[in-house]
Amino acid sequence: MSDAGEAGREAPGTGSGTLAQRIAQGALPVGVVRRMVKELDVALTRAHDAGLIHGHLTAETVVFEDSVAQLSGLRSTPPAVEGKPRPSRLEDQRAFAAVVYHALAGAPPAHGEDWKPISALRPDVPRALDTVFARGLHRDPASRYPEVPAFARAFEASFERLASPSRPLLALAMLGPLAVLAVGILWAVSGGDDQEDAPPAATIDAGTR
């Protein structure tokens, strides 16, 4: 391929176009998806606060302008479609989760509850995301996150927990050097390993009977 042809191709997660066009080139890098989640969270929350429901959020209706994720196709009163749930905030939340899964996996989640755990497809994501998607994509609306920001917070929190050691582990890490120091002090005070003056255990037992 010529240099001009290479220059014309955009790397996944850069430039403009729809999310679907980017995914066609491959699953998006984790950092790009994390930024996209924050941007779409803001856009959807503003729409919901204004009384708007998207109703048909997909990778085709997520567009990028100067690498910033935005929404297209917002409608104030999306019509009900036979055989599909009535458009609502909870349906937007599930569609949002599906779009994020699509970006990470390179393919949309299977219908129902038969989709593959994202950690099985992307070893570079925390396994906690499996639980996040299990709730965000749940078939029962009452079992999903109550709002879009709740899903976005849980998504980001799974990465933050991975980056930060837990308190018990941190405590053990701090206690380790202190424990070694304490053992060294006790060894020095007791005279090291010189046990010549200590009576044999058998003598102690005999004297106490």
N, C-alpha and C. Protein backbone atom coordinates (compact mmCIF):
# COMPACT_ATOMS: atom_id res chain seq x y z
N MET A 1 0.86 -1.20 0.00
CA MET A 1 0.00 0.00 0.00
C MET A 1 0.89 1.24 0.00
N SER A 2 0.51 2.30 -0.72
CA SER A 2 1.30 3.52 -0.81
C SER A 2 1.25 4.28 0.49
N ASP A 3 2.21 5.21 0.64
CA ASP A 3 2.22 6.07 1.83
C ASP A 3 0.95 6.87 1.93
N ALA A 4 0.45 7.32 0.78
CA ALA A 4 -0.78 8.12 0.79
C ALA A 4 -1.94 7.28 1.29
N GLY A 5 -1.98 6.01 0.88
CA GLY A 5 -3.06 5.14 1.33
C GLY A 5 -2.99 4.89 2.81
N GLU A 6 -1.76 4.67 3.33
CA GLU A 6 -1.60 4.46 4.77
C GLU A 6 -2.02 5.69 5.55
N ALA A 7 -1.67 6.88 5.03
CA ALA A 7 -2.02 8.11 5.73
C ALA A 7 -3.52 8.31 5.77
N GLY A 8 -4.22 7.78 4.75
CA GLY A 8 -5.66 7.98 4.69
C GLY A 8 -6.42 7.10 5.65
N ARG A 9 -5.76 6.04 6.16
CA ARG A 9 -6.43 5.15 7.09
C ARG A 9 -6.27 5.66 8.51
N GLU A 10 -7.35 5.65 9.25
CA GLU A 10 -7.31 6.11 10.64
C GLU A 10 -7.14 4.91 11.56
N ALA A 11 -6.33 5.08 12.57
CA ALA A 11 -6.19 4.04 13.58
C ALA A 11 -7.47 3.98 14.39
N PRO A 12 -7.83 2.78 14.90
CA PRO A 12 -9.05 2.67 15.70
C PRO A 12 -9.01 3.66 16.87
N GLY A 13 -10.08 4.42 17.03
CA GLY A 13 -10.16 5.32 18.16
C GLY A 13 -9.62 6.71 17.90
N THR A 14 -9.34 7.05 16.62
CA THR A 14 -8.82 8.38 16.33
C THR A 14 -9.67 9.02 15.25
N GLY A 15 -9.58 10.37 15.14
CA GLY A 15 -10.24 11.10 14.06
C GLY A 15 -11.73 11.22 14.23
N SER A 16 -12.47 11.11 13.11
CA SER A 16 -13.91 11.28 13.11
C SER A 16 -14.59 10.04 12.56
N GLY A 17 -15.92 10.14 12.34
CA GLY A 17 -16.67 9.00 11.84
C GLY A 17 -17.51 8.38 12.93
N THR A 18 -18.19 7.29 12.61
CA THR A 18 -19.04 6.62 13.59
C THR A 18 -18.24 5.57 14.36
N LEU A 19 -18.79 5.17 15.48
CA LEU A 19 -18.16 4.11 16.26
C LEU A 19 -18.13 2.82 15.45
N ALA A 20 -19.18 2.55 14.69
CA ALA A 20 -19.23 1.34 13.87
C ALA A 20 -18.08 1.31 12.87
N GLN A 21 -17.75 2.45 12.28
CA GLN A 21 -16.65 2.52 11.33
C GLN A 21 -15.31 2.23 12.01
N ARG A 22 -15.17 2.69 13.22
CA ARG A 22 -13.93 2.44 13.95
C ARG A 22 -13.80 0.97 14.33
N ILE A 23 -14.90 0.40 14.79
CA ILE A 23 -14.87 -1.00 15.21
C ILE A 23 -14.59 -1.91 14.01
N ALA A 24 -14.99 -1.48 12.82
CA ALA A 24 -14.73 -2.28 11.62
C ALA A 24 -13.23 -2.47 11.41
N GLN A 25 -12.43 -1.57 11.96
CA GLN A 25 -10.98 -1.69 11.86
C GLN A 25 -10.39 -2.49 13.02
N GLY A 26 -11.22 -2.84 13.99
CA GLY A 26 -10.74 -3.62 15.13
C GLY A 26 -11.30 -3.07 16.43
N ALA A 27 -11.30 -3.92 17.45
CA ALA A 27 -11.76 -3.47 18.77
C ALA A 27 -10.93 -2.28 19.24
N LEU A 28 -11.57 -1.37 19.96
CA LEU A 28 -10.89 -0.15 20.37
C LEU A 28 -9.98 -0.38 21.57
N PRO A 29 -8.90 0.39 21.67
CA PRO A 29 -8.04 0.30 22.84
C PRO A 29 -8.81 0.64 24.11
N VAL A 30 -8.39 0.06 25.22
CA VAL A 30 -9.10 0.26 26.48
C VAL A 30 -9.16 1.74 26.86
N GLY A 31 -8.07 2.45 26.69
CA GLY A 31 -8.05 3.86 27.05
C GLY A 31 -9.05 4.68 26.26
N VAL A 32 -9.19 4.36 24.98
CA VAL A 32 -10.15 5.07 24.12
C VAL A 32 -11.58 4.78 24.59
N VAL A 33 -11.84 3.53 24.95
CA VAL A 33 -13.19 3.16 25.40
C VAL A 33 -13.51 3.84 26.73
N ARG A 34 -12.56 3.90 27.63
CA ARG A 34 -12.81 4.56 28.92
C ARG A 34 -13.15 6.03 28.71
N ARG A 35 -12.45 6.69 27.80
CA ARG A 35 -12.76 8.09 27.52
C ARG A 35 -14.12 8.22 26.85
N MET A 36 -14.44 7.29 25.95
CA MET A 36 -15.74 7.32 25.27
C MET A 36 -16.87 7.15 26.26
N VAL A 37 -16.70 6.26 27.25
CA VAL A 37 -17.75 6.05 28.25
C VAL A 37 -18.04 7.35 29.00
N LYS A 38 -17.01 8.07 29.37
CA LYS A 38 -17.21 9.34 30.09
C LYS A 38 -17.94 10.35 29.21
N GLU A 39 -17.56 10.41 27.94
CA GLU A 39 -18.18 11.39 27.04
C GLU A 39 -19.64 11.05 26.74
N LEU A 40 -19.92 9.78 26.51
CA LEU A 40 -21.30 9.38 26.25
C LEU A 40 -22.16 9.46 27.51
N ASP A 41 -21.56 9.22 28.66
CA ASP A 41 -22.29 9.38 29.92
C ASP A 41 -22.79 10.81 30.06
N VAL A 42 -21.92 11.77 29.78
CA VAL A 42 -22.32 13.19 29.85
C VAL A 42 -23.42 13.49 28.84
N ALA A 43 -23.25 13.01 27.60
CA ALA A 43 -24.23 13.31 26.55
C ALA A 43 -25.60 12.70 26.86
N LEU A 44 -25.61 11.44 27.29
CA LEU A 44 -26.89 10.78 27.58
C LEU A 44 -27.55 11.38 28.82
N THR A 45 -26.76 11.69 29.82
CA THR A 45 -27.33 12.27 31.05
C THR A 45 -27.97 13.62 30.75
N ARG A 46 -27.31 14.42 29.94
CA ARG A 46 -27.88 15.72 29.57
C ARG A 46 -29.18 15.52 28.79
N ALA A 47 -29.20 14.56 27.91
CA ALA A 47 -30.42 14.29 27.14
C ALA A 47 -31.55 13.84 28.06
N HIS A 48 -31.27 12.95 28.98
CA HIS A 48 -32.30 12.47 29.92
C HIS A 48 -32.79 13.60 30.81
N ASP A 49 -31.88 14.44 31.27
CA ASP A 49 -32.29 15.57 32.12
C ASP A 49 -33.19 16.54 31.35
N ALA A 50 -33.02 16.56 30.03
CA ALA A 50 -33.85 17.45 29.20
C ALA A 50 -35.14 16.77 28.74
N GLY A 51 -35.37 15.56 29.22
CA GLY A 51 -36.58 14.85 28.87
C GLY A 51 -36.50 14.08 27.57
N LEU A 52 -35.28 13.88 27.05
CA LEU A 52 -35.11 13.16 25.79
C LEU A 52 -34.70 11.72 26.05
N ILE A 53 -35.20 10.81 25.24
CA ILE A 53 -34.82 9.41 25.27
C ILE A 53 -34.26 9.06 23.89
N HIS A 54 -33.12 8.40 23.85
CA HIS A 54 -32.55 8.07 22.55
C HIS A 54 -33.35 6.98 21.86
N GLY A 55 -33.49 5.85 22.53
CA GLY A 55 -34.35 4.79 22.01
C GLY A 55 -33.75 3.86 20.99
N HIS A 56 -32.66 4.24 20.34
CA HIS A 56 -32.04 3.35 19.36
C HIS A 56 -30.52 3.60 19.32
N LEU A 57 -29.93 3.60 20.51
CA LEU A 57 -28.48 3.83 20.62
C LEU A 57 -27.72 2.59 20.15
N THR A 58 -26.86 2.76 19.17
CA THR A 58 -26.03 1.68 18.63
C THR A 58 -24.68 2.27 18.24
N ALA A 59 -23.80 1.41 17.77
CA ALA A 59 -22.48 1.88 17.32
C ALA A 59 -22.62 2.80 16.10
N GLU A 60 -23.73 2.68 15.38
CA GLU A 60 -23.95 3.55 14.21
C GLU A 60 -24.41 4.95 14.61
N THR A 61 -25.03 5.08 15.78
CA THR A 61 -25.52 6.40 16.20
C THR A 61 -24.58 7.10 17.17
N VAL A 62 -23.41 6.49 17.41
CA VAL A 62 -22.35 7.18 18.16
C VAL A 62 -21.37 7.72 17.13
N VAL A 63 -21.20 9.02 17.13
CA VAL A 63 -20.31 9.66 16.15
C VAL A 63 -19.18 10.37 16.87
N PHE A 64 -18.08 10.52 16.17
CA PHE A 64 -16.91 11.20 16.72
C PHE A 64 -16.64 12.46 15.92
N GLU A 65 -16.44 13.53 16.64
CA GLU A 65 -16.03 14.79 16.03
C GLU A 65 -14.80 15.27 16.76
N ASP A 66 -13.68 15.34 16.04
CA ASP A 66 -12.40 15.68 16.66
C ASP A 66 -12.09 14.73 17.82
N SER A 67 -12.38 13.45 17.60
CA SER A 67 -12.10 12.37 18.56
C SER A 67 -12.96 12.42 19.82
N VAL A 68 -14.00 13.23 19.83
CA VAL A 68 -14.92 13.31 20.97
C VAL A 68 -16.20 12.56 20.62
N ALA A 69 -16.60 11.61 21.47
CA ALA A 69 -17.80 10.81 21.21
C ALA A 69 -19.05 11.63 21.47
N GLN A 70 -19.99 11.59 20.51
CA GLN A 70 -21.24 12.30 20.62
C GLN A 70 -22.38 11.40 20.14
N LEU A 71 -23.60 11.87 20.37
CA LEU A 71 -24.78 11.10 19.99
C LEU A 71 -25.45 11.72 18.78
N SER A 72 -26.02 10.86 17.95
CA SER A 72 -26.86 11.34 16.85
C SER A 72 -28.20 10.62 16.94
N GLY A 73 -29.23 11.22 16.37
CA GLY A 73 -30.54 10.58 16.32
C GLY A 73 -31.37 10.73 17.57
N LEU A 74 -31.10 11.76 18.40
CA LEU A 74 -31.92 11.96 19.59
C LEU A 74 -33.31 12.43 19.20
N ARG A 75 -34.33 11.86 19.88
CA ARG A 75 -35.72 12.25 19.63
C ARG A 75 -36.42 12.44 20.96
N SER A 76 -37.35 13.36 21.00
CA SER A 76 -38.03 13.64 22.27
C SER A 76 -38.99 12.53 22.66
N THR A 77 -39.69 11.96 21.68
CA THR A 77 -40.65 10.90 21.97
C THR A 77 -40.47 9.77 20.96
N PRO A 78 -39.50 8.89 21.18
CA PRO A 78 -39.30 7.79 20.24
C PRO A 78 -40.55 6.92 20.17
N PRO A 79 -40.98 6.52 19.00
CA PRO A 79 -42.17 5.70 18.88
C PRO A 79 -41.93 4.29 19.40
N ALA A 80 -42.97 3.68 19.94
CA ALA A 80 -42.89 2.29 20.38
C ALA A 80 -42.81 1.38 19.15
N VAL A 81 -41.98 0.36 19.24
CA VAL A 81 -41.80 -0.58 18.13
C VAL A 81 -42.31 -1.95 18.58
N GLU A 82 -43.14 -2.56 17.76
CA GLU A 82 -43.71 -3.85 18.11
C GLU A 82 -42.61 -4.90 18.31
N GLY A 83 -42.71 -5.63 19.42
CA GLY A 83 -41.73 -6.67 19.71
C GLY A 83 -40.51 -6.19 20.44
N LYS A 84 -40.41 -4.87 20.70
CA LYS A 84 -39.27 -4.33 21.42
C LYS A 84 -39.75 -3.56 22.65
N PRO A 85 -38.88 -3.46 23.69
CA PRO A 85 -39.29 -2.71 24.88
C PRO A 85 -39.57 -1.25 24.54
N ARG A 86 -40.49 -0.68 25.28
CA ARG A 86 -40.80 0.74 25.07
C ARG A 86 -39.58 1.58 25.41
N PRO A 87 -39.21 2.55 24.57
CA PRO A 87 -38.05 3.38 24.85
C PRO A 87 -38.13 4.02 26.24
N SER A 88 -37.06 3.92 26.98
CA SER A 88 -37.01 4.48 28.33
C SER A 88 -35.56 4.71 28.70
N ARG A 89 -35.34 5.33 29.85
CA ARG A 89 -33.98 5.55 30.34
C ARG A 89 -33.28 4.22 30.59
N LEU A 90 -34.03 3.24 31.10
CA LEU A 90 -33.42 1.94 31.37
C LEU A 90 -33.03 1.23 30.08
N GLU A 91 -33.80 1.44 29.02
CA GLU A 91 -33.43 0.85 27.74
C GLU A 91 -32.21 1.57 27.16
N ASP A 92 -32.13 2.87 27.38
CA ASP A 92 -30.93 3.61 26.96
C ASP A 92 -29.71 3.11 27.74
N GLN A 93 -29.89 2.82 29.01
CA GLN A 93 -28.78 2.31 29.82
C GLN A 93 -28.30 0.98 29.28
N ARG A 94 -29.23 0.08 28.95
CA ARG A 94 -28.83 -1.22 28.41
C ARG A 94 -28.15 -1.06 27.05
N ALA A 95 -28.68 -0.17 26.21
CA ALA A 95 -28.08 0.07 24.90
C ALA A 95 -26.69 0.67 25.05
N PHE A 96 -26.52 1.53 26.04
CA PHE A 96 -25.22 2.13 26.34
C PHE A 96 -24.23 1.03 26.70
N ALA A 97 -24.63 0.12 27.59
CA ALA A 97 -23.76 -1.00 27.98
C ALA A 97 -23.42 -1.86 26.77
N ALA A 98 -24.38 -2.09 25.89
CA ALA A 98 -24.14 -2.90 24.69
C ALA A 98 -23.15 -2.23 23.75
N VAL A 99 -23.24 -0.91 23.63
CA VAL A 99 -22.31 -0.17 22.77
C VAL A 99 -20.89 -0.25 23.33
N VAL A 100 -20.76 -0.12 24.63
CA VAL A 100 -19.43 -0.19 25.25
C VAL A 100 -18.84 -1.59 25.09
N TYR A 101 -19.67 -2.61 25.31
CA TYR A 101 -19.24 -3.99 25.10
C TYR A 101 -18.78 -4.18 23.65
N HIS A 102 -19.56 -3.67 22.71
CA HIS A 102 -19.25 -3.77 21.29
C HIS A 102 -17.88 -3.16 20.99
N ALA A 103 -17.61 -2.01 21.58
CA ALA A 103 -16.33 -1.33 21.35
C ALA A 103 -15.15 -2.14 21.88
N LEU A 104 -15.34 -2.79 23.02
CA LEU A 104 -14.26 -3.58 23.61
C LEU A 104 -14.09 -4.94 22.94
N ALA A 105 -15.19 -5.57 22.59
CA ALA A 105 -15.14 -6.93 22.05
C ALA A 105 -14.95 -6.96 20.54
N GLY A 106 -15.32 -5.88 19.86
CA GLY A 106 -15.26 -5.88 18.41
C GLY A 106 -16.51 -6.44 17.77
N ALA A 107 -17.45 -6.89 18.60
CA ALA A 107 -18.73 -7.43 18.13
C ALA A 107 -19.77 -7.16 19.21
N PRO A 108 -21.02 -6.93 18.83
CA PRO A 108 -22.05 -6.65 19.85
C PRO A 108 -22.33 -7.89 20.69
N PRO A 109 -22.86 -7.70 21.90
CA PRO A 109 -23.19 -8.85 22.73
C PRO A 109 -24.34 -9.64 22.13
N ALA A 110 -24.33 -10.94 22.36
CA ALA A 110 -25.40 -11.79 21.87
C ALA A 110 -26.71 -11.41 22.55
N HIS A 111 -27.82 -11.70 21.91
CA HIS A 111 -29.12 -11.40 22.49
C HIS A 111 -29.35 -12.24 23.74
N GLY A 112 -30.15 -11.73 24.62
CA GLY A 112 -30.44 -12.46 25.86
C GLY A 112 -29.27 -12.40 26.81
N GLU A 113 -29.01 -13.51 27.49
CA GLU A 113 -27.94 -13.55 28.48
C GLU A 113 -26.81 -14.47 28.03
N ASP A 114 -26.71 -14.73 26.72
CA ASP A 114 -25.73 -15.69 26.22
C ASP A 114 -24.44 -15.05 25.73
N TRP A 115 -24.22 -13.76 26.00
CA TRP A 115 -23.00 -13.10 25.56
C TRP A 115 -21.80 -13.59 26.37
N LYS A 116 -20.64 -13.55 25.74
CA LYS A 116 -19.43 -14.03 26.39
C LYS A 116 -18.90 -12.99 27.37
N PRO A 117 -18.36 -13.41 28.52
CA PRO A 117 -17.75 -12.45 29.45
C PRO A 117 -16.65 -11.67 28.74
N ILE A 118 -16.63 -10.37 28.96
CA ILE A 118 -15.67 -9.53 28.25
C ILE A 118 -14.23 -9.88 28.62
N SER A 119 -13.99 -10.37 29.84
CA SER A 119 -12.63 -10.72 30.25
C SER A 119 -12.12 -11.93 29.49
N ALA A 120 -13.03 -12.74 28.94
CA ALA A 120 -12.61 -13.89 28.14
C ALA A 120 -12.18 -13.46 26.74
N LEU A 121 -12.61 -12.28 26.33
CA LEU A 121 -12.28 -11.76 25.00
C LEU A 121 -11.16 -10.73 25.05
N ARG A 122 -11.06 -10.04 26.18
CA ARG A 122 -10.04 -9.00 26.33
C ARG A 122 -9.27 -9.24 27.63
N PRO A 123 -8.12 -9.90 27.57
CA PRO A 123 -7.35 -10.14 28.80
C PRO A 123 -6.79 -8.87 29.43
N ASP A 124 -6.89 -7.74 28.72
CA ASP A 124 -6.34 -6.48 29.25
C ASP A 124 -7.39 -5.68 30.02
N VAL A 125 -8.54 -6.27 30.33
CA VAL A 125 -9.55 -5.57 31.13
C VAL A 125 -9.73 -6.32 32.45
N PRO A 126 -10.14 -5.63 33.51
CA PRO A 126 -10.37 -6.31 34.80
C PRO A 126 -11.55 -7.26 34.73
N ARG A 127 -11.47 -8.36 35.45
CA ARG A 127 -12.55 -9.34 35.46
C ARG A 127 -13.80 -8.78 36.11
N ALA A 128 -13.65 -7.72 36.90
CA ALA A 128 -14.82 -7.09 37.52
C ALA A 128 -15.78 -6.55 36.47
N LEU A 129 -15.30 -6.30 35.27
CA LEU A 129 -16.18 -5.80 34.21
C LEU A 129 -17.24 -6.83 33.83
N ASP A 130 -16.96 -8.11 34.05
CA ASP A 130 -17.97 -9.13 33.75
C ASP A 130 -19.24 -8.89 34.56
N THR A 131 -19.04 -8.53 35.84
CA THR A 131 -20.18 -8.25 36.71
C THR A 131 -20.88 -6.97 36.29
N VAL A 132 -20.11 -5.97 35.89
CA VAL A 132 -20.68 -4.69 35.46
C VAL A 132 -21.58 -4.90 34.23
N PHE A 133 -21.08 -5.66 33.25
CA PHE A 133 -21.88 -5.91 32.05
C PHE A 133 -23.06 -6.84 32.35
N ALA A 134 -22.87 -7.78 33.28
CA ALA A 134 -23.98 -8.68 33.61
C ALA A 134 -25.17 -7.89 34.12
N ARG A 135 -24.91 -6.83 34.87
CA ARG A 135 -26.01 -6.00 35.36
C ARG A 135 -26.48 -5.02 34.29
N GLY A 136 -25.56 -4.37 33.61
CA GLY A 136 -25.94 -3.39 32.61
C GLY A 136 -26.71 -3.97 31.44
N LEU A 137 -26.43 -5.23 31.10
CA LEU A 137 -27.09 -5.88 29.96
C LEU A 137 -28.23 -6.79 30.39
N HIS A 138 -28.61 -6.75 31.63
CA HIS A 138 -29.61 -7.69 32.15
C HIS A 138 -30.93 -7.56 31.39
N ARG A 139 -31.55 -8.71 31.14
CA ARG A 139 -32.82 -8.71 30.41
C ARG A 139 -33.93 -8.02 31.18
N ASP A 140 -33.90 -8.15 32.51
CA ASP A 140 -34.93 -7.55 33.36
C ASP A 140 -34.56 -6.10 33.67
N PRO A 141 -35.34 -5.13 33.26
CA PRO A 141 -35.01 -3.73 33.52
C PRO A 141 -34.79 -3.42 35.00
N ALA A 142 -35.54 -4.09 35.87
CA ALA A 142 -35.42 -3.82 37.31
C ALA A 142 -34.08 -4.28 37.86
N SER A 143 -33.37 -5.14 37.13
CA SER A 143 -32.08 -5.66 37.60
C SER A 143 -30.90 -4.87 37.05
N ARG A 144 -31.17 -3.89 36.19
CA ARG A 144 -30.09 -3.10 35.62
C ARG A 144 -29.69 -1.96 36.54
N TYR A 145 -28.70 -1.21 36.11
CA TYR A 145 -28.35 0.01 36.84
C TYR A 145 -29.52 0.99 36.70
N PRO A 146 -29.81 1.76 37.73
CA PRO A 146 -30.99 2.63 37.68
C PRO A 146 -30.87 3.79 36.70
N GLU A 147 -29.65 4.11 36.29
CA GLU A 147 -29.44 5.24 35.39
C GLU A 147 -28.11 5.08 34.68
N VAL A 148 -27.93 5.83 33.63
CA VAL A 148 -26.70 5.76 32.83
C VAL A 148 -25.46 6.09 33.66
N PRO A 149 -25.45 7.16 34.47
CA PRO A 149 -24.25 7.47 35.25
C PRO A 149 -23.83 6.34 36.19
N ALA A 150 -24.79 5.57 36.70
CA ALA A 150 -24.45 4.47 37.61
C ALA A 150 -23.64 3.40 36.87
N PHE A 151 -24.03 3.10 35.62
CA PHE A 151 -23.25 2.16 34.83
C PHE A 151 -21.86 2.72 34.55
N ALA A 152 -21.78 3.99 34.17
CA ALA A 152 -20.50 4.60 33.84
C ALA A 152 -19.57 4.59 35.06
N ARG A 153 -20.12 4.87 36.25
CA ARG A 153 -19.29 4.86 37.46
C ARG A 153 -18.79 3.45 37.77
N ALA A 154 -19.65 2.46 37.64
CA ALA A 154 -19.24 1.08 37.91
C ALA A 154 -18.18 0.63 36.91
N PHE A 155 -18.35 1.03 35.66
CA PHE A 155 -17.37 0.68 34.62
C PHE A 155 -16.00 1.23 34.98
N GLU A 156 -15.93 2.50 35.31
CA GLU A 156 -14.64 3.13 35.63
C GLU A 156 -14.08 2.61 36.94
N ALA A 157 -14.94 2.34 37.91
CA ALA A 157 -14.47 1.86 39.22
C ALA A 157 -13.77 0.51 39.10
N SER A 158 -14.18 -0.32 38.14
CA SER A 158 -13.53 -1.62 37.99
C SER A 158 -12.06 -1.46 37.60
N PHE A 159 -11.75 -0.42 36.84
CA PHE A 159 -10.35 -0.15 36.47
C PHE A 159 -9.60 0.48 37.64
N GLU A 160 -10.26 1.34 38.39
CA GLU A 160 -9.60 1.99 39.52
C GLU A 160 -9.25 0.98 40.60
N ARG A 161 -10.12 -0.01 40.84
CA ARG A 161 -9.82 -1.05 41.83
C ARG A 161 -8.63 -1.89 41.38
N LEU A 162 -8.51 -2.10 40.07
CA LEU A 162 -7.40 -2.88 39.55
C LEU A 162 -6.08 -2.14 39.74
N ALA A 163 -6.12 -0.81 39.61
CA ALA A 163 -4.90 -0.02 39.71
C ALA A 163 -4.46 0.24 41.14
N SER A 164 -5.39 0.20 42.09
CA SER A 164 -5.09 0.51 43.48
C SER A 164 -5.07 -0.76 44.33
N PRO A 165 -4.00 -1.01 45.11
CA PRO A 165 -3.98 -2.19 45.98
C PRO A 165 -5.02 -2.06 47.06
N SER A 166 -5.59 -3.18 47.46
CA SER A 166 -6.59 -3.16 48.52
C SER A 166 -5.93 -2.79 49.83
N ARG A 167 -6.73 -2.32 50.79
CA ARG A 167 -6.17 -1.91 52.07
C ARG A 167 -5.47 -3.04 52.82
N PRO A 168 -6.04 -4.27 52.86
CA PRO A 168 -5.32 -5.35 53.55
C PRO A 168 -3.97 -5.63 52.92
N LEU A 169 -3.90 -5.63 51.58
CA LEU A 169 -2.62 -5.87 50.93
C LEU A 169 -1.65 -4.75 51.21
N LEU A 170 -2.15 -3.51 51.22
CA LEU A 170 -1.30 -2.38 51.51
C LEU A 170 -0.78 -2.46 52.94
N ALA A 171 -1.63 -2.88 53.88
CA ALA A 171 -1.22 -3.01 55.26
C ALA A 171 -0.13 -4.07 55.40
N LEU A 172 -0.28 -5.19 54.72
CA LEU A 172 0.73 -6.24 54.78
C LEU A 172 2.05 -5.76 54.19
N ALA A 173 1.95 -5.01 53.11
CA ALA A 173 3.16 -4.50 52.49
C ALA A 173 3.91 -3.56 53.42
N MET A 174 3.16 -2.76 54.22
CA MET A 174 3.80 -1.85 55.16
C MET A 174 4.30 -2.59 56.40
N LEU A 175 3.60 -3.65 56.78
CA LEU A 175 3.97 -4.39 57.98
C LEU A 175 5.18 -5.27 57.75
N GLY A 176 5.39 -5.72 56.51
CA GLY A 176 6.48 -6.63 56.21
C GLY A 176 7.83 -6.19 56.72
N PRO A 177 8.33 -5.01 56.33
CA PRO A 177 9.64 -4.56 56.83
C PRO A 177 9.68 -4.41 58.34
N LEU A 178 8.56 -3.96 58.96
CA LEU A 178 8.52 -3.81 60.41
C LEU A 178 8.63 -5.16 61.10
N ALA A 179 7.97 -6.17 60.52
CA ALA A 179 8.03 -7.50 61.11
C ALA A 179 9.44 -8.05 61.06
N VAL A 180 10.12 -7.85 59.95
CA VAL A 180 11.51 -8.31 59.83
C VAL A 180 12.40 -7.61 60.84
N LEU A 181 12.19 -6.30 61.02
CA LEU A 181 12.98 -5.53 61.98
C LEU A 181 12.74 -6.02 63.39
N ALA A 182 11.46 -6.31 63.73
CA ALA A 182 11.14 -6.79 65.08
C ALA A 182 11.80 -8.13 65.36
N VAL A 183 11.78 -9.03 64.37
CA VAL A 183 12.43 -10.33 64.55
C VAL A 183 13.93 -10.16 64.76
N GLY A 184 14.54 -9.25 64.04
CA GLY A 184 15.97 -9.01 64.19
C GLY A 184 16.31 -8.48 65.57
N ILE A 185 15.47 -7.58 66.10
CA ILE A 185 15.72 -7.02 67.44
C ILE A 185 15.60 -8.10 68.50
N LEU A 186 14.56 -8.92 68.40
CA LEU A 186 14.38 -10.00 69.37
C LEU A 186 15.53 -10.98 69.32
N TRP A 187 16.02 -11.27 68.14
CA TRP A 187 17.15 -12.19 67.99
C TRP A 187 18.40 -11.64 68.66
N ALA A 188 18.61 -10.30 68.47
CA ALA A 188 19.80 -9.67 69.07
C ALA A 188 19.71 -9.64 70.59
N VAL A 189 18.50 -9.33 71.13
CA VAL A 189 18.33 -9.25 72.57
C VAL A 189 18.51 -10.62 73.23
N SER A 190 18.06 -11.67 72.53
CA SER A 190 18.15 -13.02 73.10
C SER A 190 19.53 -13.63 72.95
N GLY A 191 20.46 -12.90 72.36
CA GLY A 191 21.81 -13.42 72.23
C GLY A 191 22.02 -14.24 70.98
N GLY A 192 21.17 -14.02 69.99
CA GLY A 192 21.33 -14.74 68.73
C GLY A 192 20.94 -16.18 68.87
N ASP A 193 21.71 -17.05 68.24
CA ASP A 193 21.37 -18.47 68.27
C ASP A 193 22.20 -19.24 69.29
N ASP A 194 22.81 -18.50 70.25
CA ASP A 194 23.62 -19.15 71.29
C ASP A 194 22.69 -19.69 72.36
N GLN A 195 22.51 -20.96 72.41
CA GLN A 195 21.59 -21.60 73.34
C GLN A 195 22.32 -22.51 74.32
N GLU A 196 23.65 -22.29 74.54
CA GLU A 196 24.43 -23.20 75.38
C GLU A 196 23.98 -23.18 76.83
N ASP A 197 23.52 -22.02 77.33
CA ASP A 197 23.14 -21.90 78.73
C ASP A 197 21.74 -22.42 79.00
N ALA A 198 20.98 -22.68 77.97
CA ALA A 198 19.61 -23.12 78.16
C ALA A 198 19.59 -24.59 78.51
N PRO A 199 18.86 -25.00 79.59
CA PRO A 199 18.81 -26.41 79.97
C PRO A 199 18.07 -27.21 78.93
N PRO A 200 18.44 -28.49 78.74
CA PRO A 200 17.74 -29.32 77.76
C PRO A 200 16.28 -29.46 78.14
N ALA A 201 15.47 -29.66 77.13
CA ALA A 201 14.04 -29.79 77.37
C ALA A 201 13.73 -30.96 78.27
N ALA A 202 14.49 -32.06 78.13
CA ALA A 202 14.23 -33.24 78.95
C ALA A 202 14.44 -32.91 80.42
N THR A 203 15.49 -32.11 80.79
CA THR A 203 15.78 -31.74 82.17
C THR A 203 14.63 -30.93 82.74
N ILE A 204 14.08 -29.98 81.92
CA ILE A 204 12.97 -29.15 82.39
C ILE A 204 11.77 -30.03 82.68
N ASP A 205 11.50 -30.98 81.81
CA ASP A 205 10.34 -31.85 82.03
C ASP A 205 10.51 -32.70 83.28
N ALA A 206 11.74 -33.20 83.50
CA ALA A 206 11.98 -34.03 84.66
C ALA A 206 11.83 -33.27 85.94
N GLY A 207 12.24 -32.00 85.92
CA GLY A 207 12.20 -31.21 87.15
C GLY A 207 10.81 -30.76 87.50
N THR A 208 9.92 -30.79 86.61
CA THR A 208 8.57 -30.28 86.86
C THR A 208 7.60 -31.38 87.15
N ARG A 209 8.04 -32.61 87.12
CA ARG A 209 7.12 -33.70 87.40
C ARG A 209 6.99 -33.93 88.90
